Amino acid sequence: MVQRTEGSPGSGAHHSRRRKKETFSRWDAADYLKSEADMVAYLEACLEEAPEDAALLAKALGDIARARGMVQLAKDTGLTREGLYKALSKDGNPRLGTVLKVMRALGLKFTAQAA
């Protein structure tokens, strides 16, 4: 927002600028994963984008898990909520067994196909 004092430019009037404070929230994929189709499409897109990036897969599963509800996922997998948050973070490195438990609990499955 720009505010001007009375007078015309160049007439010695003082010009002051006042910026409106903008606030931004952090973008979170989990906020946009509303349906099973959204979740499947998101996971497929991540796997297509970087098929050898285990961290991206873990993060995508974490986003889907948060969209579904981490407390219920912990109950369904028998893993702790804290352990799931850690394993399914961008810095996580979950064991294959953990990934398979999470996938099963989320109602998802891997399918093999020729590359």
Foldseek 3Di string as FASTA:
>chain_A
DWDFDDDDPPPPGDTDGDDDDDDDDDDAVLVVQADPVSLVVQLVVQCVVPVPQQLSNLQSLVSVCVNVDLVVLCVQLVHDSVVSCQQSHSPHPDDPSVVVSSCVSSVHDDDDDDD
